[in-house]
Amino acid sequence: MAARTPARRDAQTLREVIRRLGPSLITVAVAPDGSLDRSLAGVCVHDPLLEVEQGQGEALLAVGVDPRGEDAVELVQRAAAQGYAAIVLHVDDTLPEQVAVAARRRRIVILTAPTDVPWVHLATMLRVGISSAVEELAGAPLGDLFAFANSLAQRIRGAVTIEDPQSHVLAYSSVTKQVDEPRKETILGRRVPQKYMRLLQERGVFRQLISSDDVVHMEAMPEVQLSRRVAISVRAAGELLGSIWVAEKGEPLAEDQSEILREAALTAALHIMRHRLDLHAESNLRRSMVRDLLDGTAADVAAVRLALAPDAPYVVVAFEALGGSLPGGRLLQVIDLYCSTVHRVTVALDVSPRVYVVVSGAAIAREIRQFASEAARRVTGATQAKVYAAIGRPVTSFDRVVESRQDVDRVMRVLLRPETRRTVADLDDVRAAANLLEVLDLVRERPHLLQGPLRLLAENGSARDLALVSTLRAYLDYFGDVSLAAGGLQVHPNTFRYRLRRATDVLGIDLDDPTERLMLALQLRLLR
């Protein structure tokens, strides 16, 4: 066991905590009569390597336990015997019946959470949700940071902003009275401007916020039009989630401002965690919709959810990077940033290492090539990696986007080959090479097509035999021009002619026969 929260006299009931967190985070799978009215005293994290310790009405997080296995049933029985109020399991579908039966017999609540919600976030949400201080600033739906900021602003009589650890604005209160210029600039730019960041760093304000859980007071700075402010950090389970800032707006703040802020910090932690989870869920849903659109699976539903016009032109552009240092998601971030500056309707999907972008309203081929080339150039500059861009065919409706996606996969396969010099191309640019790769795929599926003297010659590995193979390849690559082929191999033309005769004798082939030349070329491609 680890990270047990202490029991509280004012602990919330299971029903209250579950209502507060909402069904998208926590779902009641099993609840014997009256069990939801039991007080939830804390949260414990299960360690599969240790015995279940004595409980005191806590919720037990079943970390590392597969709900479909016998371990889940055994954990239910032990947790109920040890006095736990509930068990939380990661379940995406229906709770297995054997677990539900065991919970009903032992009269213990089973709660389920989606598997994409990390345990650490779940534990934090439960711990903050249990706190009675959450009720002090009720009235804001969980995760609605703007409603929470307005509620706090009314109570503390100031202008509120809620920021993440990097000073990006998550939410702010609406005010009717005049506020100072720094707050206006912060809200308009959705981030504290650098000039004020430097000032706050010089005054040691950020250092106090990071090192303390108490309220930080900052006097007015008329020289930069900065009114008096108070701030407090927001933490949960030791993690810095952000901060709350309150600026005076023409009248003094409430006398009990420090007490209000301390209470608000606890509530804000719950709101920020829920906000994070909502963003995570929304991001997952959006990725799923874009994937369906690109795969042609339920494209109509995906298009509606993504707000795409049904009969607009669409083109898929794919990007992939080689070399440089690209951490996970970085390519998508830079592509998204570029797309936001070119005023096009786009949706993107990261299928590492490739990023697909669906561009809407792209009827002119020249514009799309310019878009792809400029995006690749920007990403190359930002990441120092060589970025390739593949352009699909234009299609006339969202249900045909899959055809454009199939094109970019074929094009990208050619672009990534060492002999290809292009970095941006559509299918017309590389059609011959793309078609040849597919033909070679078909030949590979029939191994007997590779059998014969040429394969034996190549696999023998002697310098003389490999020279004969290279001679045949050069002869075909240079279209039978002996002088050019000999120059490519850096041998005398007479030496080349000798090797060519020797190769045809060994293989028993007639290079004047177009059918033999074609099959020889295919076999040489596959053997390369």
Protein backbone atom coordinates (compact mmCIF):
# COMPACT_ATOMS: atom_id res chain seq x y z
CA MET A 1 0.00 0.00 0.00
CA ALA A 2 1.07 3.60 -0.54
CA ALA A 3 -0.15 7.21 -0.31
CA ARG A 4 -2.92 6.59 2.18
CA THR A 5 -4.90 9.74 2.98
CA PRO A 6 -5.86 10.12 6.65
CA ALA A 7 -9.41 9.65 7.81
CA ARG A 8 -11.43 12.85 8.36
CA ARG A 9 -14.34 13.63 10.61
CA ASP A 10 -15.94 15.68 7.83
CA ALA A 11 -15.26 13.13 5.08
CA GLN A 12 -17.71 13.06 2.19
CA THR A 13 -19.96 10.15 1.38
CA LEU A 14 -19.30 7.96 -1.63
CA ARG A 15 -22.42 9.35 -3.26
CA GLU A 16 -21.22 12.96 -2.86
CA VAL A 17 -17.74 12.24 -4.19
CA ILE A 18 -19.05 10.30 -7.19
CA ARG A 19 -21.52 13.08 -8.01
CA ARG A 20 -18.75 15.63 -7.75
CA LEU A 21 -16.37 13.77 -10.07
CA GLY A 22 -19.02 12.94 -12.65
CA PRO A 23 -19.87 9.81 -14.67
CA SER A 24 -17.25 10.42 -17.36
CA LEU A 25 -14.55 9.87 -14.72
CA ILE A 26 -16.09 7.47 -12.21
CA THR A 27 -18.94 5.02 -12.78
CA VAL A 28 -20.74 2.96 -10.14
CA ALA A 29 -20.64 -0.67 -11.27
CA VAL A 30 -21.84 -2.34 -8.06
CA ALA A 31 -23.50 -0.59 -5.11
CA PRO A 32 -25.28 -2.72 -2.49
CA ASP A 33 -28.19 -1.02 -0.68
CA GLY A 34 -27.03 1.90 1.47
CA SER A 35 -23.36 1.48 0.56
CA LEU A 36 -23.11 4.81 -1.27
CA ASP A 37 -24.09 6.70 1.88
CA ARG A 38 -21.02 5.42 3.68
CA SER A 39 -18.32 8.04 4.38
CA LEU A 40 -15.26 7.84 2.15
CA ALA A 41 -12.35 8.46 4.49
CA GLY A 42 -9.46 8.44 2.03
CA VAL A 43 -7.70 6.76 -0.87
CA CYS A 44 -5.24 3.84 -0.87
CA VAL A 45 -3.19 2.56 -3.80
CA HIS A 46 -2.99 -1.23 -4.01
CA ASP A 47 0.44 -2.80 -4.37
CA PRO A 48 0.08 -6.23 -6.06
CA LEU A 49 3.28 -7.40 -4.38
CA LEU A 50 2.01 -6.76 -0.83
CA GLU A 51 -0.84 -8.02 1.28
CA VAL A 52 -3.95 -5.87 1.54
CA GLU A 53 -3.62 -3.81 4.73
CA GLN A 54 -6.36 -2.96 7.19
CA GLY A 55 -8.72 -0.35 5.72
CA GLN A 56 -10.60 2.47 7.42
CA GLY A 57 -13.39 3.21 4.98
CA GLU A 58 -11.09 4.23 2.11
CA ALA A 59 -11.33 3.61 -1.62
CA LEU A 60 -8.76 1.08 -2.86
CA LEU A 61 -7.28 1.75 -6.29
CA ALA A 62 -6.66 -1.63 -7.93
CA VAL A 63 -3.42 -0.70 -9.69
CA GLY A 64 -1.97 -3.57 -11.72
CA VAL A 65 -5.08 -5.75 -11.37
CA ASP A 66 -6.77 -7.16 -14.47
CA PRO A 67 -10.55 -7.04 -13.81
CA ARG A 68 -10.98 -10.15 -15.97
CA GLY A 69 -8.68 -12.30 -13.87
CA GLU A 70 -9.02 -14.20 -10.63
CA ASP A 71 -6.87 -11.59 -8.88
CA ALA A 72 -9.73 -9.11 -9.14
CA VAL A 73 -12.18 -11.42 -7.37
CA GLU A 74 -9.63 -12.18 -4.67
CA LEU A 75 -8.91 -8.47 -4.16
CA VAL A 76 -12.62 -7.72 -3.78
CA GLN A 77 -12.92 -10.37 -1.07
CA ARG A 78 -9.82 -9.19 0.83
CA ALA A 79 -10.68 -5.49 0.59
CA ALA A 80 -14.19 -6.07 1.90
CA ALA A 81 -12.82 -8.15 4.79
CA GLN A 82 -10.31 -5.40 5.64
CA GLY A 83 -12.91 -2.63 5.84
CA TYR A 84 -12.55 -0.70 2.58
CA ALA A 85 -15.58 1.24 1.38
CA ALA A 86 -14.94 0.79 -2.34
CA ILE A 87 -12.60 -0.61 -4.97
CA VAL A 88 -11.74 1.29 -8.16
CA LEU A 89 -10.95 -0.75 -11.27
CA HIS A 90 -9.80 0.26 -14.75
CA VAL A 91 -12.62 -0.99 -17.00
CA ASP A 92 -13.64 0.25 -20.45
CA ASP A 93 -16.50 -2.16 -21.08
CA THR A 94 -18.78 -4.11 -18.76
CA LEU A 95 -17.51 -5.24 -15.37
CA PRO A 96 -16.92 -9.03 -15.46
CA GLU A 97 -19.80 -10.85 -13.81
CA GLN A 98 -17.62 -12.83 -11.39
CA VAL A 99 -16.27 -9.56 -9.93
CA ALA A 100 -19.77 -8.09 -9.63
CA VAL A 101 -21.05 -11.23 -7.87
CA ALA A 102 -18.18 -11.18 -5.38
CA ALA A 103 -18.80 -7.48 -4.62
CA ARG A 104 -22.51 -8.03 -4.00
CA ARG A 105 -21.82 -10.95 -1.66
CA ARG A 106 -19.24 -8.93 0.30
CA ARG A 107 -21.34 -5.72 0.17
CA ILE A 108 -18.56 -3.51 -1.16
CA VAL A 109 -18.89 -0.80 -3.81
CA ILE A 110 -17.13 -1.28 -7.15
CA LEU A 111 -16.26 1.89 -9.06
CA THR A 112 -14.85 1.83 -12.59
CA ALA A 113 -12.78 4.38 -14.50
CA PRO A 114 -11.70 4.44 -18.18
CA THR A 115 -8.28 2.89 -18.78
CA ASP A 116 -6.99 6.06 -20.45
CA VAL A 117 -7.32 7.96 -17.15
CA PRO A 118 -3.94 7.60 -15.41
CA TRP A 119 -4.03 6.21 -11.88
CA VAL A 120 -2.14 9.19 -10.50
CA HIS A 121 -4.77 11.57 -11.87
CA LEU A 122 -7.56 9.41 -10.56
CA ALA A 123 -6.01 9.27 -7.10
CA THR A 124 -5.55 13.03 -7.07
CA MET A 125 -9.13 13.69 -8.18
CA LEU A 126 -10.50 11.38 -5.50
CA ARG A 127 -8.34 12.89 -2.76
CA VAL A 128 -9.28 16.45 -3.60
CA GLY A 129 -12.91 15.43 -4.12
CA ILE A 130 -13.07 14.00 -0.63
CA SER A 131 -12.03 17.32 0.88
CA SER A 132 -14.97 19.17 2.43
CA ALA A 133 -13.42 22.47 1.38
CA VAL A 134 -14.72 21.78 -2.13
CA GLU A 135 -18.20 22.70 -0.96
CA GLU A 136 -17.06 26.18 0.11
CA LEU A 137 -17.03 27.40 -3.50
CA ALA A 138 -19.82 25.28 -4.94
CA GLY A 139 -21.87 26.42 -7.91
CA ALA A 140 -19.31 25.87 -10.68
CA PRO A 141 -19.65 22.65 -12.71
CA LEU A 142 -16.64 20.46 -12.19
CA GLY A 143 -13.96 21.34 -14.74
CA ASP A 144 -15.59 24.66 -15.72
CA LEU A 145 -12.69 26.93 -14.82
CA PHE A 146 -14.40 30.07 -16.12
CA ALA A 147 -17.44 29.55 -13.90
CA PHE A 148 -15.11 28.84 -10.98
CA ALA A 149 -13.10 32.03 -11.69
CA ASN A 150 -16.31 34.10 -11.73
CA SER A 151 -17.53 32.53 -8.49
CA LEU A 152 -14.21 33.28 -6.80
CA ALA A 153 -14.13 36.83 -8.20
CA GLN A 154 -17.49 37.65 -6.66
CA ARG A 155 -16.47 36.31 -3.30
CA ILE A 156 -13.02 37.91 -3.11
CA ARG A 157 -14.10 41.11 -4.95
CA GLY A 158 -11.23 41.07 -7.45
CA ALA A 159 -10.35 40.11 -11.04
CA VAL A 160 -9.30 36.45 -11.17
CA THR A 161 -7.05 34.61 -13.61
CA ILE A 162 -6.13 30.93 -13.37
CA GLU A 163 -2.82 29.98 -14.97
CA ASP A 164 -0.85 26.82 -15.62
CA PRO A 165 2.76 26.38 -14.37
CA GLN A 166 4.07 28.07 -17.56
CA SER A 167 1.87 31.17 -16.96
CA HIS A 168 -0.56 30.32 -19.77
CA VAL A 169 -4.08 31.52 -18.95
CA LEU A 170 -6.50 28.65 -18.38
CA ALA A 171 -9.46 30.83 -17.39
CA TYR A 172 -10.36 34.31 -16.18
CA SER A 173 -13.29 36.08 -14.55
CA SER A 174 -15.47 38.61 -16.34
CA VAL A 175 -15.41 42.02 -14.69
CA THR A 176 -17.52 45.14 -15.10
CA LYS A 177 -15.06 47.58 -13.55
CA GLN A 178 -11.80 48.88 -15.00
CA VAL A 179 -8.81 46.54 -14.72
CA ASP A 180 -5.15 47.33 -15.30
CA GLU A 181 -3.32 47.08 -18.60
CA PRO A 182 -1.18 44.03 -17.65
CA ARG A 183 -4.33 41.97 -17.04
CA LYS A 184 -5.77 43.03 -20.40
CA GLU A 185 -2.57 42.04 -22.20
CA THR A 186 -2.44 38.72 -20.33
CA ILE A 187 -6.01 37.80 -21.30
CA LEU A 188 -5.65 38.93 -24.92
CA GLY A 189 -2.41 36.99 -25.36
CA ARG A 190 -3.58 34.07 -23.18
CA ARG A 191 -0.23 34.28 -21.42
CA VAL A 192 1.57 36.64 -19.06
CA PRO A 193 3.67 38.95 -21.31
CA GLN A 194 7.42 38.50 -21.05
CA LYS A 195 8.03 42.01 -19.69
CA TYR A 196 5.80 41.28 -16.68
CA MET A 197 7.23 37.78 -16.32
CA ARG A 198 10.71 39.27 -15.91
CA LEU A 199 9.40 41.80 -13.39
CA LEU A 200 7.72 39.10 -11.29
CA GLN A 201 10.87 36.99 -11.41
CA GLU A 202 12.97 39.93 -10.23
CA ARG A 203 10.57 40.54 -7.34
CA GLY A 204 10.79 36.86 -6.34
CA VAL A 205 7.06 36.26 -6.78
CA PHE A 206 7.43 33.07 -8.82
CA ARG A 207 9.99 31.71 -6.38
CA GLN A 208 7.54 32.21 -3.51
CA LEU A 209 4.71 30.53 -5.43
CA ILE A 210 6.83 27.49 -6.25
CA SER A 211 8.25 27.05 -2.76
CA SER A 212 5.17 27.85 -0.66
CA ASP A 213 1.52 26.85 -0.42
CA ASP A 214 0.58 30.12 1.25
CA VAL A 215 -0.78 33.34 -0.24
CA VAL A 216 1.74 35.63 -1.93
CA HIS A 217 1.07 39.37 -1.69
CA MET A 218 2.38 41.78 -4.31
CA GLU A 219 2.04 45.53 -3.90
CA ALA A 220 0.98 47.79 -6.75
CA MET A 221 3.59 48.98 -9.26
CA PRO A 222 2.25 52.27 -10.70
CA GLU A 223 5.28 52.65 -12.96
CA VAL A 224 4.04 49.71 -15.08
CA GLN A 225 0.29 50.21 -14.38
CA LEU A 226 0.20 47.05 -12.27
CA SER A 227 -2.40 47.08 -9.51
CA ARG A 228 -2.08 45.20 -6.23
CA ARG A 229 -2.31 41.44 -6.53
CA VAL A 230 -2.50 38.32 -4.40
CA ALA A 231 -1.71 34.84 -5.68
CA ILE A 232 -1.51 31.25 -4.51
CA SER A 233 -0.15 28.07 -6.05
CA VAL A 234 -2.46 25.17 -6.82
CA ARG A 235 -1.17 21.69 -6.01
CA ALA A 236 -2.49 18.18 -5.85
CA ALA A 237 -0.58 15.18 -4.51
CA GLY A 238 2.60 17.23 -4.59
CA GLU A 239 2.25 18.25 -8.25
CA LEU A 240 2.16 21.95 -9.15
CA LEU A 241 -0.94 22.35 -11.31
CA GLY A 242 -0.86 26.14 -11.67
CA SER A 243 -1.73 29.27 -9.76
CA ILE A 244 -4.60 31.64 -8.98
CA TRP A 245 -4.07 35.39 -9.36
CA VAL A 246 -6.40 38.10 -8.05
CA ALA A 247 -6.02 41.74 -9.07
CA GLU A 248 -7.74 44.69 -7.43
CA LYS A 249 -10.27 46.34 -9.73
CA GLY A 250 -10.95 49.73 -8.21
CA GLU A 251 -11.90 48.59 -4.69
CA PRO A 252 -10.09 46.75 -1.91
CA LEU A 253 -10.18 42.96 -1.92
CA ALA A 254 -12.22 41.10 0.70
CA GLU A 255 -10.78 41.28 4.20
CA ASP A 256 -10.58 37.50 4.45
CA GLN A 257 -8.85 37.27 1.06
CA SER A 258 -6.10 34.94 2.27
CA GLU A 259 -8.53 32.45 3.78
CA ILE A 260 -10.67 32.55 0.66
CA LEU A 261 -7.65 31.88 -1.56
CA ARG A 262 -6.44 28.96 0.55
CA GLU A 263 -9.85 27.32 0.25
CA ALA A 264 -10.02 28.17 -3.44
CA ALA A 265 -6.67 26.51 -4.10
CA LEU A 266 -8.09 23.15 -2.97
CA THR A 267 -11.15 23.56 -5.15
CA ALA A 268 -9.09 24.79 -8.09
CA ALA A 269 -7.00 21.63 -7.96
CA LEU A 270 -10.12 19.56 -8.52
CA HIS A 271 -11.30 21.82 -11.35
CA ILE A 272 -7.89 21.85 -13.07
CA MET A 273 -7.52 18.07 -12.83
CA ARG A 274 -11.00 17.61 -14.28
CA HIS A 275 -10.22 20.21 -16.96
CA ARG A 276 -7.11 18.22 -17.89
CA LEU A 277 -9.06 14.99 -18.10
CA ASP A 278 -11.79 16.61 -20.20
CA LEU A 279 -9.16 17.95 -22.60
CA HIS A 280 -7.55 14.50 -22.69
CA ALA A 281 -10.89 12.84 -23.44
CA GLU A 282 -11.74 15.46 -26.08
CA SER A 283 -8.32 15.00 -27.69
CA ASN A 284 -8.76 11.21 -27.76
CA LEU A 285 -12.22 11.56 -29.30
CA ARG A 286 -10.93 13.96 -31.93
CA ARG A 287 -8.05 11.62 -32.82
CA SER A 288 -10.53 8.77 -33.14
CA MET A 289 -12.75 10.85 -35.45
CA VAL A 290 -9.80 11.86 -37.68
CA ARG A 291 -8.66 8.23 -37.80
CA ASP A 292 -12.16 7.14 -38.89
CA LEU A 293 -12.15 9.83 -41.57
CA LEU A 294 -8.77 8.71 -42.94
CA ASP A 295 -9.69 5.02 -42.79
CA GLY A 296 -13.09 5.55 -44.40
CA THR A 297 -14.77 4.01 -41.33
CA ALA A 298 -17.93 5.89 -40.30
CA ALA A 299 -16.63 8.89 -42.22
CA ASP A 300 -20.04 10.60 -42.13
CA VAL A 301 -20.13 10.55 -38.32
CA ALA A 302 -16.51 11.70 -38.12
CA ALA A 303 -17.15 14.59 -40.53
CA VAL A 304 -20.13 15.81 -38.47
CA ARG A 305 -18.15 15.65 -35.21
CA LEU A 306 -15.23 17.48 -36.87
CA ALA A 307 -17.56 20.10 -38.42
CA LEU A 308 -16.46 19.33 -41.99
CA ALA A 309 -18.61 20.29 -44.95
CA PRO A 310 -20.00 17.21 -46.76
CA ASP A 311 -19.36 18.34 -50.35
CA ALA A 312 -16.19 20.41 -50.02
CA PRO A 313 -12.93 19.44 -51.74
CA TYR A 314 -10.37 17.68 -49.53
CA VAL A 315 -6.73 16.69 -49.85
CA VAL A 316 -4.60 14.63 -47.47
CA VAL A 317 -1.00 15.70 -46.91
CA ALA A 318 1.36 13.51 -44.88
CA PHE A 319 4.59 14.56 -43.18
CA GLU A 320 7.41 12.40 -41.86
CA ALA A 321 10.80 13.36 -40.45
CA LEU A 322 14.16 11.62 -40.63
CA GLY A 323 17.12 12.57 -38.46
CA GLY A 324 17.28 15.38 -35.92
CA SER A 325 15.79 15.15 -32.46
CA LEU A 326 12.02 14.85 -32.46
CA PRO A 327 10.35 13.90 -29.15
CA GLY A 328 6.92 12.28 -29.30
CA GLY A 329 4.25 14.59 -30.64
CA ARG A 330 6.69 17.34 -31.66
CA LEU A 331 6.08 16.93 -35.39
CA LEU A 332 2.31 17.22 -34.86
CA GLN A 333 2.77 20.31 -32.66
CA VAL A 334 4.82 22.15 -35.26
CA ILE A 335 2.49 21.13 -38.10
CA ASP A 336 -0.56 22.24 -36.09
CA LEU A 337 1.11 25.57 -35.34
CA TYR A 338 1.83 26.16 -39.03
CA CYS A 339 -1.70 25.15 -40.08
CA SER A 340 -3.17 27.65 -37.61
CA THR A 341 -1.36 30.48 -39.43
CA VAL A 342 -2.50 29.76 -42.99
CA HIS A 343 -6.26 30.15 -42.47
CA ARG A 344 -7.21 26.73 -43.81
CA VAL A 345 -9.63 24.27 -42.30
CA THR A 346 -7.42 21.34 -41.29
CA VAL A 347 -7.56 18.32 -39.01
CA ALA A 348 -4.43 16.35 -38.15
CA LEU A 349 -3.59 12.90 -36.81
CA ASP A 350 -0.28 11.69 -35.41
CA VAL A 351 0.37 8.08 -36.43
CA SER A 352 3.98 8.08 -35.30
CA PRO A 353 6.29 8.65 -37.07
CA ARG A 354 3.87 10.08 -39.66
CA VAL A 355 1.45 13.00 -39.34
CA TYR A 356 -1.58 13.17 -41.62
CA VAL A 357 -3.30 16.49 -42.31
CA VAL A 358 -6.70 16.67 -43.99
CA VAL A 359 -6.94 20.04 -45.77
CA SER A 360 -10.39 21.36 -46.69
CA GLY A 361 -11.21 23.78 -49.50
CA ALA A 362 -8.07 22.89 -51.45
CA ALA A 363 -9.11 22.81 -55.09
CA ILE A 364 -5.94 24.23 -56.64
CA ALA A 365 -2.98 21.84 -56.88
CA ARG A 366 -0.44 24.68 -56.86
CA GLU A 367 -1.77 25.96 -53.52
CA ILE A 368 -1.58 22.53 -51.93
CA ARG A 369 1.99 21.98 -53.10
CA GLN A 370 2.92 25.39 -51.72
CA PHE A 371 1.22 24.51 -48.42
CA ALA A 372 3.06 21.17 -48.18
CA SER A 373 6.43 22.63 -49.17
CA GLU A 374 6.21 25.56 -46.77
CA ALA A 375 5.04 23.35 -43.88
CA ALA A 376 7.92 20.92 -44.50
CA ARG A 377 10.37 23.83 -44.63
CA ARG A 378 9.03 25.31 -41.39
CA VAL A 379 9.20 21.99 -39.56
CA THR A 380 12.71 21.35 -40.84
CA GLY A 381 13.78 24.73 -39.52
CA ALA A 382 12.11 24.17 -36.15
CA THR A 383 13.36 20.62 -35.56
CA GLN A 384 16.58 20.33 -37.60
CA ALA A 385 15.19 17.08 -39.02
CA LYS A 386 14.72 16.40 -42.74
CA VAL A 387 10.97 16.48 -43.32
CA TYR A 388 9.20 14.84 -46.26
CA ALA A 389 5.73 15.81 -47.49
CA ALA A 390 3.49 13.53 -49.54
CA ILE A 391 0.40 14.97 -51.27
CA GLY A 392 -2.70 12.91 -52.02
CA ARG A 393 -5.22 13.32 -54.80
CA PRO A 394 -7.97 15.97 -54.41
CA VAL A 395 -11.35 14.40 -53.61
CA THR A 396 -14.79 15.97 -53.75
CA SER A 397 -16.34 14.78 -50.46
CA PHE A 398 -15.32 13.63 -47.00
CA ASP A 399 -16.30 10.00 -47.67
CA ARG A 400 -13.51 9.81 -50.27
CA VAL A 401 -10.77 11.15 -48.02
CA VAL A 402 -9.54 7.55 -47.61
CA GLU A 403 -8.54 7.55 -51.31
CA SER A 404 -6.35 10.61 -50.80
CA ARG A 405 -4.81 8.99 -47.71
CA GLN A 406 -3.97 5.85 -49.71
CA ASP A 407 -2.15 8.05 -52.22
CA VAL A 408 0.04 9.73 -49.59
CA ASP A 409 1.09 6.38 -48.15
CA ARG A 410 2.22 5.24 -51.59
CA VAL A 411 4.05 8.52 -52.22
CA MET A 412 5.74 8.59 -48.82
CA ARG A 413 7.05 5.08 -49.35
CA VAL A 414 8.90 6.35 -52.43
CA LEU A 415 10.12 9.55 -50.79
CA LEU A 416 11.72 7.67 -47.91
CA ARG A 417 13.84 5.47 -50.19
CA PRO A 418 17.56 6.42 -50.25
CA GLU A 419 17.68 6.88 -54.03
CA THR A 420 14.81 9.42 -54.06
CA ARG A 421 16.00 13.02 -54.22
CA ARG A 422 12.61 14.69 -53.72
CA THR A 423 11.26 15.81 -50.36
CA VAL A 424 7.81 16.92 -51.58
CA ALA A 425 5.78 15.00 -54.16
CA ASP A 426 2.35 13.85 -55.24
CA LEU A 427 1.52 10.56 -56.92
CA ASP A 428 2.00 11.90 -60.45
CA ASP A 429 5.57 12.86 -59.53
CA VAL A 430 6.53 9.34 -58.43
CA ARG A 431 3.88 7.10 -60.00
CA ALA A 432 6.34 4.81 -61.81
CA ALA A 433 8.40 4.21 -58.66
CA ALA A 434 5.26 3.71 -56.55
CA ASN A 435 3.79 1.24 -59.02
CA LEU A 436 7.07 -0.66 -59.23
CA LEU A 437 7.18 -1.03 -55.42
CA GLU A 438 3.71 -2.56 -55.47
CA VAL A 439 4.66 -4.92 -58.29
CA LEU A 440 7.69 -5.99 -56.28
CA ASP A 441 5.39 -6.61 -53.29
CA LEU A 442 3.32 -8.97 -55.41
CA VAL A 443 6.40 -10.79 -56.66
CA ARG A 444 7.66 -11.23 -53.08
CA GLU A 445 4.43 -13.03 -52.24
CA ARG A 446 5.37 -15.68 -54.81
CA PRO A 447 8.89 -16.88 -53.85
CA HIS A 448 9.14 -19.20 -56.83
CA LEU A 449 9.44 -16.13 -59.08
CA LEU A 450 12.84 -15.47 -57.52
CA GLN A 451 14.16 -18.96 -58.12
CA GLY A 452 16.80 -19.48 -60.79
CA PRO A 453 20.47 -19.00 -61.67
CA LEU A 454 20.47 -15.26 -60.89
CA ARG A 455 19.54 -15.84 -57.24
CA LEU A 456 22.18 -18.57 -56.93
CA LEU A 457 24.75 -16.23 -58.44
CA ALA A 458 23.86 -13.40 -56.03
CA GLU A 459 23.75 -15.65 -52.97
CA ASN A 460 27.09 -17.30 -53.78
CA GLY A 461 28.78 -14.12 -52.53
CA SER A 462 32.10 -14.47 -54.38
CA ALA A 463 33.61 -11.27 -55.74
CA ARG A 464 33.51 -12.63 -59.31
CA ASP A 465 29.83 -13.59 -59.15
CA LEU A 466 28.83 -10.29 -57.52
CA ALA A 467 30.68 -8.44 -60.28
CA LEU A 468 28.58 -10.30 -62.85
CA VAL A 469 25.38 -9.30 -61.04
CA SER A 470 26.51 -5.65 -60.91
CA THR A 471 27.29 -5.78 -64.63
CA LEU A 472 23.79 -6.98 -65.50
CA ARG A 473 22.22 -4.31 -63.26
CA ALA A 474 24.30 -1.53 -64.84
CA TYR A 475 23.50 -2.77 -68.37
CA LEU A 476 19.76 -2.51 -67.68
CA ASP A 477 20.00 0.74 -65.71
CA TYR A 478 21.88 2.44 -68.59
CA PHE A 479 19.51 1.00 -71.19
CA GLY A 480 22.15 -1.11 -72.89
CA ASP A 481 24.67 1.73 -73.37
CA VAL A 482 27.95 -0.11 -72.70
CA SER A 483 30.09 3.03 -72.48
CA LEU A 484 27.88 4.67 -69.85
CA ALA A 485 27.39 1.42 -67.93
CA ALA A 486 31.14 0.76 -67.86
CA GLY A 487 31.73 4.32 -66.66
CA GLY A 488 29.16 3.81 -63.90
CA LEU A 489 31.07 0.76 -62.68
CA GLN A 490 34.45 2.43 -63.32
CA VAL A 491 35.74 -0.39 -65.53
CA HIS A 492 37.01 -0.47 -69.11
CA PRO A 493 34.28 -1.05 -71.75
CA ASN A 494 36.04 -4.21 -72.94
CA THR A 495 36.05 -5.54 -69.36
CA PHE A 496 32.36 -4.72 -69.14
CA ARG A 497 31.60 -6.56 -72.41
CA TYR A 498 33.50 -9.62 -71.21
CA ARG A 499 31.61 -9.71 -67.91
CA LEU A 500 28.31 -9.22 -69.71
CA ARG A 501 28.98 -12.20 -72.04
CA ARG A 502 30.10 -14.27 -69.07
CA ALA A 503 26.91 -13.37 -67.13
CA THR A 504 24.59 -14.27 -70.01
CA ASP A 505 26.41 -17.58 -70.53
CA VAL A 506 26.21 -18.48 -66.82
CA LEU A 507 22.54 -17.54 -66.57
CA GLY A 508 21.52 -18.78 -69.98
CA ILE A 509 19.56 -15.62 -70.81
CA ASP A 510 19.02 -13.66 -74.01
CA LEU A 511 19.23 -9.89 -73.39
CA ASP A 512 17.67 -9.24 -76.80
CA ASP A 513 14.42 -10.77 -75.50
CA PRO A 514 12.28 -7.98 -73.84
CA THR A 515 10.47 -10.50 -71.66
CA GLU A 516 13.75 -11.84 -70.28
CA ARG A 517 14.99 -8.28 -69.69
CA LEU A 518 11.82 -7.38 -67.78
CA MET A 519 11.97 -10.40 -65.48
CA LEU A 520 15.72 -9.93 -64.99
CA ALA A 521 15.13 -6.30 -63.97
CA LEU A 522 12.44 -7.33 -61.45
CA GLN A 523 14.62 -10.02 -59.95
CA LEU A 524 17.57 -7.64 -59.68
CA ARG A 525 15.34 -5.10 -57.88
CA LEU A 526 14.24 -7.69 -55.37
CA LEU A 527 17.77 -8.97 -54.81
CA ARG A 528 19.13 -5.47 -54.14
